[in-house]
C-alpha cells in the first residue's frame, strides 16, 4: 500500500495573486523572504523620497553638534535608515562625519530606532541605545528610562515625521531640535497595482509605515479580500484608522512578515 504523502502548501497555493510591496526603497529583503515562502511579489512604490529642498535646518542642526556645545547631555536620535544619507547630501558627508566624530568624542550619545538605522552610522560610531522595539513610542520610552533628567535631543528626519518623539520628549522637559532632511510624498501617477487591490486581484499588501498607509489610501480602498500586513504598532494603528483589518507580525524582520502572512492565509483556508 502506497504511503500517504501530505504536501506542504506554499504561498502560491494560498494566494491567487501577488503580494504588493509599496515602499519607495529597501523592498529587497521583504521580496526575497516572500518569494522564499512561495509567494508571487509585485514591487510598485506608492511613495517617493527626496532630499529636502532647504538645507538651512540641516546646517543648523549640524552647528549644534559643535563639541563646545555638545556633551553627555545631548542625544542624536535617529528614527530612519534614510536619515544619515539625506543629512549628508544637504551638508556634505565630510563635514557631517567630522562633526559627528568630534561630538561623539565630546560625549554625544546616539539613539536609534532599530538595527538597520544603527548600521547607517559612520565607521567607528555605534549607538548608545537601540530601541527595544523598532517604533517611535518604544524609542521614547527607552530614552526616558535611560536618562535621569531632561536633556537635549537632536532629531533629523522626515518632513512628515509623526510628532511622537518630539512631543513626548518635550512633555518630559527635554529641549528638542528637529530638522527635516528628507521629504516623503505620494507618487504623482496612480500605480497600476491600485486596480489590482481594488478588485482583490492582488491578494495581499505589506505596509511598513503610516505614510505608506496614507499613500495607498490616497489611491485606493483595497477590497476586503486583500490581506493587509501592517508592520509595527503605528502602522497597524494607521491601517485601523482607515477601517481596514490587518495582520501584524511579531517583529519587523522580513522573515516574520512572510510567516505572519503565511499563517494568516493558512488559518483562512
C-alpha atoms as a PDB file:
ATOM      1  CA  UNK A   1       0.000   0.000   0.000  1.00  0.00           C
ATOM      2  CA  UNK A   2       1.455   3.345  -1.029  1.00  0.00           C
ATOM      3  CA  UNK A   3       2.321   5.748   1.777  1.00  0.00           C
ATOM      4  CA  UNK A   4       0.117   8.810   2.135  1.00  0.00           C
ATOM      5  CA  UNK A   5       2.074  11.935   1.218  1.00  0.00           C
ATOM      6  CA  UNK A   6       0.883  15.280   2.562  1.00  0.00           C
ATOM      7  CA  UNK A   7       2.176  18.227   0.580  1.00  0.00           C
ATOM      8  CA  UNK A   8       3.159  21.353   2.487  1.00  0.00           C
ATOM      9  CA  UNK A   9       1.404  24.333   0.931  1.00  0.00           C
ATOM     10  CA  UNK A  10       3.405  27.234  -0.435  1.00  0.00           C
ATOM     11  CA  UNK A  11       2.385  30.857  -0.805  1.00  0.00           C
ATOM     12  CA  UNK A  12       1.427  30.127  -4.398  1.00  0.00           C
ATOM     13  CA  UNK A  13      -1.056  27.515  -3.161  1.00  0.00           C
ATOM     14  CA  UNK A  14      -2.640  30.005  -0.774  1.00  0.00           C
ATOM     15  CA  UNK A  15      -2.811  33.176  -2.862  1.00  0.00           C
ATOM     16  CA  UNK A  16      -4.304  33.617  -6.337  1.00  0.00           C
ATOM     17  CA  UNK A  17      -2.499  36.919  -6.854  1.00  0.00           C
ATOM     18  CA  UNK A  18       0.648  38.819  -5.895  1.00  0.00           C
ATOM     19  CA  UNK A  19       1.748  40.394  -2.631  1.00  0.00           C
ATOM     20  CA  UNK A  20       2.157  44.128  -3.282  1.00  0.00           C
ATOM     21  CA  UNK A  21       5.120  45.988  -1.739  1.00  0.00           C
ATOM     22  CA  UNK A  22       4.790  49.773  -1.820  1.00  0.00           C
ATOM     23  CA  UNK A  23       7.861  51.241  -0.078  1.00  0.00           C
ATOM     24  CA  UNK A  24       9.887  53.814  -2.007  1.00  0.00           C
ATOM     25  CA  UNK A  25      13.039  51.737  -1.482  1.00  0.00           C
ATOM     26  CA  UNK A  26      14.503  48.843   0.540  1.00  0.00           C
ATOM     27  CA  UNK A  27      11.899  46.319  -0.639  1.00  0.00           C
ATOM     28  CA  UNK A  28      14.540  43.712  -1.417  1.00  0.00           C
ATOM     29  CA  UNK A  29      14.528  41.844   1.902  1.00  0.00           C
ATOM     30  CA  UNK A  30      10.736  41.583   2.062  1.00  0.00           C
ATOM     31  CA  UNK A  31      10.546  40.479  -1.563  1.00  0.00           C
ATOM     32  CA  UNK A  32      13.189  37.795  -1.033  1.00  0.00           C
ATOM     33  CA  UNK A  33      11.539  36.404   2.122  1.00  0.00           C
ATOM     34  CA  UNK A  34       8.113  36.323   0.492  1.00  0.00           C
ATOM     35  CA  UNK A  35       9.433  34.636  -2.633  1.00  0.00           C
ATOM     36  CA  UNK A  36      11.269  32.093  -0.495  1.00  0.00           C
ATOM     37  CA  UNK A  37       7.889  31.277   1.077  1.00  0.00           C
ATOM     38  CA  UNK A  38       6.455  30.711  -2.395  1.00  0.00           C
ATOM     39  CA  UNK A  39       4.590  33.979  -2.843  1.00  0.00           C
ATOM     40  CA  UNK A  40       4.476  35.991  -6.036  1.00  0.00           C
ATOM     41  CA  UNK A  41       5.638  39.549  -5.354  1.00  0.00           C
ATOM     42  CA  UNK A  42       4.846  42.826  -7.098  1.00  0.00           C
ATOM     43  CA  UNK A  43       7.026  45.799  -6.113  1.00  0.00           C
ATOM     44  CA  UNK A  44       5.459  49.140  -7.012  1.00  0.00           C
ATOM     45  CA  UNK A  45       6.287  52.210  -4.898  1.00  0.00           C
ATOM     46  CA  UNK A  46       3.411  54.425  -3.769  1.00  0.00           C
ATOM     47  CA  UNK A  47       5.868  56.858  -2.163  1.00  0.00           C
ATOM     48  CA  UNK A  48       8.899  58.801  -3.298  1.00  0.00           C
ATOM     49  CA  UNK A  49      11.669  60.036  -1.011  1.00  0.00           C
ATOM     50  CA  UNK A  50      13.802  63.061  -1.889  1.00  0.00           C
ATOM     51  CA  UNK A  51      16.373  65.134  -0.046  1.00  0.00           C
ATOM     52  CA  UNK A  52      14.802  68.245   1.488  1.00  0.00           C
ATOM     53  CA  UNK A  53      14.956  71.393  -0.643  1.00  0.00           C
ATOM     54  CA  UNK A  54      16.071  73.691   2.170  1.00  0.00           C
ATOM     55  CA  UNK A  55      19.481  72.878   3.704  1.00  0.00           C
ATOM     56  CA  UNK A  56      19.187  75.517   6.447  1.00  0.00           C
ATOM     57  CA  UNK A  57      17.577  73.274   9.142  1.00  0.00           C
ATOM     58  CA  UNK A  58      20.133  70.527   8.470  1.00  0.00           C
ATOM     59  CA  UNK A  59      23.003  73.010   8.729  1.00  0.00           C
ATOM     60  CA  UNK A  60      21.560  74.483  11.917  1.00  0.00           C
ATOM     61  CA  UNK A  61      21.400  71.023  13.495  1.00  0.00           C
ATOM     62  CA  UNK A  62      24.963  70.389  12.370  1.00  0.00           C
ATOM     63  CA  UNK A  63      26.012  73.576  14.158  1.00  0.00           C
ATOM     64  CA  UNK A  64      24.532  72.265  17.404  1.00  0.00           C
ATOM     65  CA  UNK A  65      26.888  69.278  17.130  1.00  0.00           C
ATOM     66  CA  UNK A  66      29.816  71.605  17.814  1.00  0.00           C
ATOM     67  CA  UNK A  67      31.681  69.843  20.663  1.00  0.00           C
ATOM     68  CA  UNK A  68      31.900  73.153  22.531  1.00  0.00           C
ATOM     69  CA  UNK A  69      28.104  72.926  22.891  1.00  0.00           C
ATOM     70  CA  UNK A  70      27.612  69.167  22.914  1.00  0.00           C
ATOM     71  CA  UNK A  71      28.280  66.895  25.846  1.00  0.00           C
ATOM     72  CA  UNK A  72      26.770  63.939  27.601  1.00  0.00           C
ATOM     73  CA  UNK A  73      23.529  65.860  27.993  1.00  0.00           C
ATOM     74  CA  UNK A  74      22.876  65.637  24.244  1.00  0.00           C
ATOM     75  CA  UNK A  75      21.353  62.786  22.244  1.00  0.00           C
ATOM     76  CA  UNK A  76      21.236  62.398  18.486  1.00  0.00           C
ATOM     77  CA  UNK A  77      18.019  60.471  17.851  1.00  0.00           C
ATOM     78  CA  UNK A  78      17.646  58.644  14.534  1.00  0.00           C
ATOM     79  CA  UNK A  79      14.309  57.140  13.535  1.00  0.00           C
ATOM     80  CA  UNK A  80      15.032  56.013   9.979  1.00  0.00           C
ATOM     81  CA  UNK A  81      17.776  54.342   7.989  1.00  0.00           C
ATOM     82  CA  UNK A  82      17.262  57.077   5.379  1.00  0.00           C
ATOM     83  CA  UNK A  83      18.246  59.981   7.637  1.00  0.00           C
ATOM     84  CA  UNK A  84      22.036  59.910   7.503  1.00  0.00           C
ATOM     85  CA  UNK A  85      22.298  59.785   3.703  1.00  0.00           C
ATOM     86  CA  UNK A  86      19.952  62.736   3.213  1.00  0.00           C
ATOM     87  CA  UNK A  87      21.557  64.779   6.006  1.00  0.00           C
ATOM     88  CA  UNK A  88      24.939  64.160   4.379  1.00  0.00           C
ATOM     89  CA  UNK A  89      23.575  65.177   0.982  1.00  0.00           C
ATOM     90  CA  UNK A  90      22.423  68.513   2.416  1.00  0.00           C
ATOM     91  CA  UNK A  91      25.546  69.495   4.367  1.00  0.00           C
ATOM     92  CA  UNK A  92      28.280  67.420   2.741  1.00  0.00           C
ATOM     93  CA  UNK A  93      29.355  63.995   4.011  1.00  0.00           C
ATOM     94  CA  UNK A  94      32.842  65.030   5.086  1.00  0.00           C
ATOM     95  CA  UNK A  95      31.523  67.951   7.124  1.00  0.00           C
ATOM     96  CA  UNK A  96      28.812  65.844   8.733  1.00  0.00           C
ATOM     97  CA  UNK A  97      31.045  62.905   9.615  1.00  0.00           C
ATOM     98  CA  UNK A  98      33.758  65.177  11.013  1.00  0.00           C
ATOM     99  CA  UNK A  99      31.195  66.992  13.166  1.00  0.00           C
ATOM    100  CA  UNK A 100      29.730  63.713  14.393  1.00  0.00           C
ATOM    101  CA  UNK A 101      33.146  62.313  15.236  1.00  0.00           C
ATOM    102  CA  UNK A 102      34.091  65.416  17.223  1.00  0.00           C
ATOM    103  CA  UNK A 103      30.743  65.494  19.021  1.00  0.00           C
ATOM    104  CA  UNK A 104      30.934  61.789  19.796  1.00  0.00           C
ATOM    105  CA  UNK A 105      34.402  62.304  21.234  1.00  0.00           C
ATOM    106  CA  UNK A 106      32.905  65.048  23.395  1.00  0.00           C
ATOM    107  CA  UNK A 107      30.190  62.808  24.796  1.00  0.00           C
ATOM    108  CA  UNK A 108      27.335  62.889  22.286  1.00  0.00           C
ATOM    109  CA  UNK A 109      25.075  59.883  22.713  1.00  0.00           C
ATOM    110  CA  UNK A 110      23.135  58.286  19.862  1.00  0.00           C
ATOM    111  CA  UNK A 111      19.774  56.539  19.972  1.00  0.00           C
ATOM    112  CA  UNK A 112      18.483  54.521  17.013  1.00  0.00           C
ATOM    113  CA  UNK A 113      15.050  53.100  16.345  1.00  0.00           C
ATOM    114  CA  UNK A 114      16.455  49.811  15.065  1.00  0.00           C
ATOM    115  CA  UNK A 115      19.488  47.894  13.858  1.00  0.00           C
ATOM    116  CA  UNK A 116      19.080  48.985  10.217  1.00  0.00           C
ATOM    117  CA  UNK A 117      19.238  52.616  11.320  1.00  0.00           C
ATOM    118  CA  UNK A 118      22.230  51.935  13.570  1.00  0.00           C
ATOM    119  CA  UNK A 119      24.045  50.410  10.592  1.00  0.00           C
ATOM    120  CA  UNK A 120      23.980  53.784   8.805  1.00  0.00           C
ATOM    121  CA  UNK A 121      26.203  55.469  11.406  1.00  0.00           C
ATOM    122  CA  UNK A 122      29.740  56.358  10.314  1.00  0.00           C
ATOM    123  CA  UNK A 123      32.511  53.814  10.878  1.00  0.00           C
ATOM    124  CA  UNK A 124      33.685  53.780  14.474  1.00  0.00           C
ATOM    125  CA  UNK A 125      30.410  55.162  15.814  1.00  0.00           C
ATOM    126  CA  UNK A 126      27.853  52.911  17.474  1.00  0.00           C
ATOM    127  CA  UNK A 127      24.553  53.711  19.158  1.00  0.00           C
ATOM    128  CA  UNK A 128      24.347  54.175  22.888  1.00  0.00           C
ATOM    129  CA  UNK A 129      20.794  52.888  22.729  1.00  0.00           C
ATOM    130  CA  UNK A 130      18.793  50.894  20.191  1.00  0.00           C
ATOM    131  CA  UNK A 131      15.043  50.744  20.820  1.00  0.00           C
ATOM    132  CA  UNK A 132      13.680  47.535  22.324  1.00  0.00           C
ATOM    133  CA  UNK A 133      11.106  47.627  19.515  1.00  0.00           C
ATOM    134  CA  UNK A 134      11.584  49.449  16.192  1.00  0.00           C
ATOM    135  CA  UNK A 135       8.932  52.031  16.917  1.00  0.00           C
ATOM    136  CA  UNK A 136       8.969  55.703  17.929  1.00  0.00           C
ATOM    137  CA  UNK A 137       6.912  55.052  21.062  1.00  0.00           C
ATOM    138  CA  UNK A 138       9.316  52.341  22.229  1.00  0.00           C
ATOM    139  CA  UNK A 139      12.284  54.589  21.477  1.00  0.00           C
ATOM    140  CA  UNK A 140      10.695  57.372  23.521  1.00  0.00           C
ATOM    141  CA  UNK A 141      10.142  55.063  26.488  1.00  0.00           C
ATOM    142  CA  UNK A 142      13.688  53.721  26.253  1.00  0.00           C
ATOM    143  CA  UNK A 143      15.199  57.207  26.123  1.00  0.00           C
ATOM    144  CA  UNK A 144      13.272  58.371  29.159  1.00  0.00           C
ATOM    145  CA  UNK A 145      14.175  55.203  31.058  1.00  0.00           C
ATOM    146  CA  UNK A 146      17.868  55.608  30.211  1.00  0.00           C
ATOM    147  CA  UNK A 147      18.170  59.187  31.463  1.00  0.00           C
ATOM    148  CA  UNK A 148      17.896  60.571  34.976  1.00  0.00           C
ATOM    149  CA  UNK A 149      16.966  64.108  33.937  1.00  0.00           C
ATOM    150  CA  UNK A 150      15.826  66.031  30.821  1.00  0.00           C
ATOM    151  CA  UNK A 151      18.425  66.506  28.112  1.00  0.00           C
ATOM    152  CA  UNK A 152      18.773  67.922  24.587  1.00  0.00           C
ATOM    153  CA  UNK A 153      17.582  65.782  21.686  1.00  0.00           C
ATOM    154  CA  UNK A 154      18.565  66.390  18.066  1.00  0.00           C
ATOM    155  CA  UNK A 155      16.026  64.852  15.679  1.00  0.00           C
ATOM    156  CA  UNK A 156      16.862  64.956  11.973  1.00  0.00           C
ATOM    157  CA  UNK A 157      14.350  63.087   9.849  1.00  0.00           C
ATOM    158  CA  UNK A 158      11.366  63.227   7.537  1.00  0.00           C
ATOM    159  CA  UNK A 159       9.366  66.373   6.888  1.00  0.00           C
ATOM    160  CA  UNK A 160       6.227  64.361   7.678  1.00  0.00           C
ATOM    161  CA  UNK A 161       7.582  62.569  10.747  1.00  0.00           C
ATOM    162  CA  UNK A 162       4.936  61.911  13.356  1.00  0.00           C
ATOM    163  CA  UNK A 163       5.438  64.060  16.471  1.00  0.00           C
ATOM    164  CA  UNK A 164       5.506  61.105  18.866  1.00  0.00           C
ATOM    165  CA  UNK A 165       9.143  61.541  19.886  1.00  0.00           C
ATOM    166  CA  UNK A 166       9.372  65.323  19.782  1.00  0.00           C
ATOM    167  CA  UNK A 167       6.134  65.804  21.722  1.00  0.00           C
ATOM    168  CA  UNK A 168       6.921  63.065  24.233  1.00  0.00           C
ATOM    169  CA  UNK A 169      10.406  64.380  24.979  1.00  0.00           C
ATOM    170  CA  UNK A 170       9.165  67.972  25.199  1.00  0.00           C
ATOM    171  CA  UNK A 171       6.447  66.905  27.635  1.00  0.00           C
ATOM    172  CA  UNK A 172       9.167  65.262  29.764  1.00  0.00           C
ATOM    173  CA  UNK A 173      11.076  68.537  29.925  1.00  0.00           C
ATOM    174  CA  UNK A 174      13.656  67.871  27.219  1.00  0.00           C
ATOM    175  CA  UNK A 175      14.889  70.519  24.800  1.00  0.00           C
ATOM    176  CA  UNK A 176      14.234  69.274  21.258  1.00  0.00           C
ATOM    177  CA  UNK A 177      15.741  70.432  17.976  1.00  0.00           C
ATOM    178  CA  UNK A 178      14.294  68.974  14.771  1.00  0.00           C
ATOM    179  CA  UNK A 179      15.352  69.256  11.140  1.00  0.00           C
ATOM    180  CA  UNK A 180      13.640  67.930   8.017  1.00  0.00           C
ATOM    181  CA  UNK A 181      16.385  66.359   5.930  1.00  0.00           C
ATOM    182  CA  UNK A 182      14.153  64.449   3.522  1.00  0.00           C
ATOM    183  CA  UNK A 183      10.618  64.575   2.143  1.00  0.00           C
ATOM    184  CA  UNK A 184       8.278  61.615   1.720  1.00  0.00           C
ATOM    185  CA  UNK A 185       5.429  62.106  -0.738  1.00  0.00           C
ATOM    186  CA  UNK A 186       2.918  60.009  -2.611  1.00  0.00           C
ATOM    187  CA  UNK A 187       3.860  59.306  -6.203  1.00  0.00           C
ATOM    188  CA  UNK A 188       2.125  61.545  -8.729  1.00  0.00           C
ATOM    189  CA  UNK A 189       0.764  58.834 -11.012  1.00  0.00           C
ATOM    190  CA  UNK A 190      -1.743  56.243  -9.825  1.00  0.00           C
ATOM    191  CA  UNK A 191       0.114  52.922  -9.533  1.00  0.00           C
ATOM    192  CA  UNK A 192      -1.224  50.154 -11.761  1.00  0.00           C
ATOM    193  CA  UNK A 193      -1.472  47.824  -8.755  1.00  0.00           C
ATOM    194  CA  UNK A 194      -4.162  50.091  -7.268  1.00  0.00           C
ATOM    195  CA  UNK A 195      -6.633  48.482  -9.673  1.00  0.00           C
ATOM    196  CA  UNK A 196      -5.495  45.034  -8.547  1.00  0.00           C
ATOM    197  CA  UNK A 197      -6.004  45.992  -4.896  1.00  0.00           C
ATOM    198  CA  UNK A 198      -9.449  47.434  -5.597  1.00  0.00           C
ATOM    199  CA  UNK A 199     -10.535  44.274  -7.395  1.00  0.00           C
ATOM    200  CA  UNK A 200      -8.946  41.871  -4.929  1.00  0.00           C
ATOM    201  CA  UNK A 201      -6.761  40.529  -7.748  1.00  0.00           C
ATOM    202  CA  UNK A 202      -3.714  41.482  -5.723  1.00  0.00           C
ATOM    203  CA  UNK A 203      -4.239  39.213  -2.765  1.00  0.00           C
ATOM    204  CA  UNK A 204      -2.016  40.809  -0.111  1.00  0.00           C
ATOM    205  CA  UNK A 205      -0.429  44.144   0.735  1.00  0.00           C
ATOM    206  CA  UNK A 206       2.545  44.856   3.026  1.00  0.00           C
ATOM    207  CA  UNK A 207       2.635  48.255   4.758  1.00  0.00           C
ATOM    208  CA  UNK A 208       5.580  49.382   6.874  1.00  0.00           C
ATOM    209  CA  UNK A 209       4.746  52.977   7.798  1.00  0.00           C
ATOM    210  CA  UNK A 210       1.799  55.300   8.392  1.00  0.00           C
ATOM    211  CA  UNK A 211       2.937  57.303   5.340  1.00  0.00           C
ATOM    212  CA  UNK A 212       2.608  54.161   3.215  1.00  0.00           C
ATOM    213  CA  UNK A 213      -0.906  53.638   4.582  1.00  0.00           C
ATOM    214  CA  UNK A 214      -1.843  57.210   3.672  1.00  0.00           C
ATOM    215  CA  UNK A 215      -0.322  56.868   0.203  1.00  0.00           C
ATOM    216  CA  UNK A 216      -2.270  53.700  -0.569  1.00  0.00           C
ATOM    217  CA  UNK A 217      -5.486  55.208   0.817  1.00  0.00           C
ATOM    218  CA  UNK A 218      -4.969  58.209  -1.453  1.00  0.00           C
ATOM    219  CA  UNK A 219      -5.262  55.967  -4.498  1.00  0.00           C
ATOM    220  CA  UNK A 220      -7.452  53.033  -3.492  1.00  0.00           C
ATOM    221  CA  UNK A 221      -9.564  51.332  -0.852  1.00  0.00           C
ATOM    222  CA  UNK A 222      -8.357  47.725  -1.027  1.00  0.00           C
ATOM    223  CA  UNK A 223     -11.023  45.076  -1.436  1.00  0.00           C
ATOM    224  CA  UNK A 224     -11.766  43.356   1.914  1.00  0.00           C
ATOM    225  CA  UNK A 225     -10.417  40.115   0.445  1.00  0.00           C
ATOM    226  CA  UNK A 226      -6.922  41.613   0.335  1.00  0.00           C
ATOM    227  CA  UNK A 227      -4.841  40.512   3.328  1.00  0.00           C
ATOM    228  CA  UNK A 228      -3.029  43.537   4.749  1.00  0.00           C
ATOM    229  CA  UNK A 229       0.182  43.029   6.719  1.00  0.00           C
ATOM    230  CA  UNK A 230       0.915  46.070   8.906  1.00  0.00           C
ATOM    231  CA  UNK A 231       4.425  46.144  10.375  1.00  0.00           C
ATOM    232  CA  UNK A 232       4.670  47.842  13.766  1.00  0.00           C
ATOM    233  CA  UNK A 233       2.102  49.378  16.114  1.00  0.00           C
ATOM    234  CA  UNK A 234       1.963  52.831  14.496  1.00  0.00           C
ATOM    235  CA  UNK A 235       1.384  51.319  11.071  1.00  0.00           C
ATOM    236  CA  UNK A 236      -1.241  48.965  12.482  1.00  0.00           C
ATOM    237  CA  UNK A 237      -2.986  51.923  14.120  1.00  0.00           C
ATOM    238  CA  UNK A 238      -2.932  53.862  10.844  1.00  0.00           C
ATOM    239  CA  UNK A 239      -4.386  50.874   8.986  1.00  0.00           C
ATOM    240  CA  UNK A 240      -7.214  50.555  11.503  1.00  0.00           C
ATOM    241  CA  UNK A 241      -7.922  54.281  11.281  1.00  0.00           C
ATOM    242  CA  UNK A 242      -8.690  53.623   7.616  1.00  0.00           C
ATOM    243  CA  UNK A 243     -11.190  50.971   8.661  1.00  0.00           C
ATOM    244  CA  UNK A 244      -9.053  48.157   7.275  1.00  0.00           C
ATOM    245  CA  UNK A 245      -8.231  44.872   9.003  1.00  0.00           C
ATOM    246  CA  UNK A 246      -4.578  43.981   9.448  1.00  0.00           C
ATOM    247  CA  UNK A 247      -2.239  41.158  10.328  1.00  0.00           C
ATOM    248  CA  UNK A 248       0.674  42.372  12.492  1.00  0.00           C
ATOM    249  CA  UNK A 249       3.907  40.313  12.575  1.00  0.00           C
ATOM    250  CA  UNK A 250       5.612  39.798  15.917  1.00  0.00           C
ATOM    251  CA  UNK A 251       8.757  41.501  14.580  1.00  0.00           C
ATOM    252  CA  UNK A 252       9.664  43.780  11.657  1.00  0.00           C
ATOM    253  CA  UNK A 253      12.039  41.162  10.261  1.00  0.00           C
ATOM    254  CA  UNK A 254      11.224  40.216   6.657  1.00  0.00           C
ATOM    255  CA  UNK A 255      11.025  36.551   7.591  1.00  0.00           C
ATOM    256  CA  UNK A 256       8.460  37.393  10.268  1.00  0.00           C
ATOM    257  CA  UNK A 257       6.425  39.298   7.673  1.00  0.00           C
ATOM    258  CA  UNK A 258       6.354  36.271   5.381  1.00  0.00           C
ATOM    259  CA  UNK A 259       5.493  33.909   8.244  1.00  0.00           C
ATOM    260  CA  UNK A 260       2.684  36.155   9.509  1.00  0.00           C
ATOM    261  CA  UNK A 261       1.126  36.300   6.055  1.00  0.00           C
ATOM    262  CA  UNK A 262       1.503  32.546   5.597  1.00  0.00           C
ATOM    263  CA  UNK A 263      -0.133  31.824   8.977  1.00  0.00           C
ATOM    264  CA  UNK A 264      -3.000  34.213   8.285  1.00  0.00           C
ATOM    265  CA  UNK A 265      -3.739  32.611   4.947  1.00  0.00           C
ATOM    266  CA  UNK A 266      -3.394  29.090   6.289  1.00  0.00           C
ATOM    267  CA  UNK A 267      -5.951  29.847   9.016  1.00  0.00           C
ATOM    268  CA  UNK A 268      -8.368  31.252   6.453  1.00  0.00           C
ATOM    269  CA  UNK A 269      -8.305  28.138   4.260  1.00  0.00           C
END
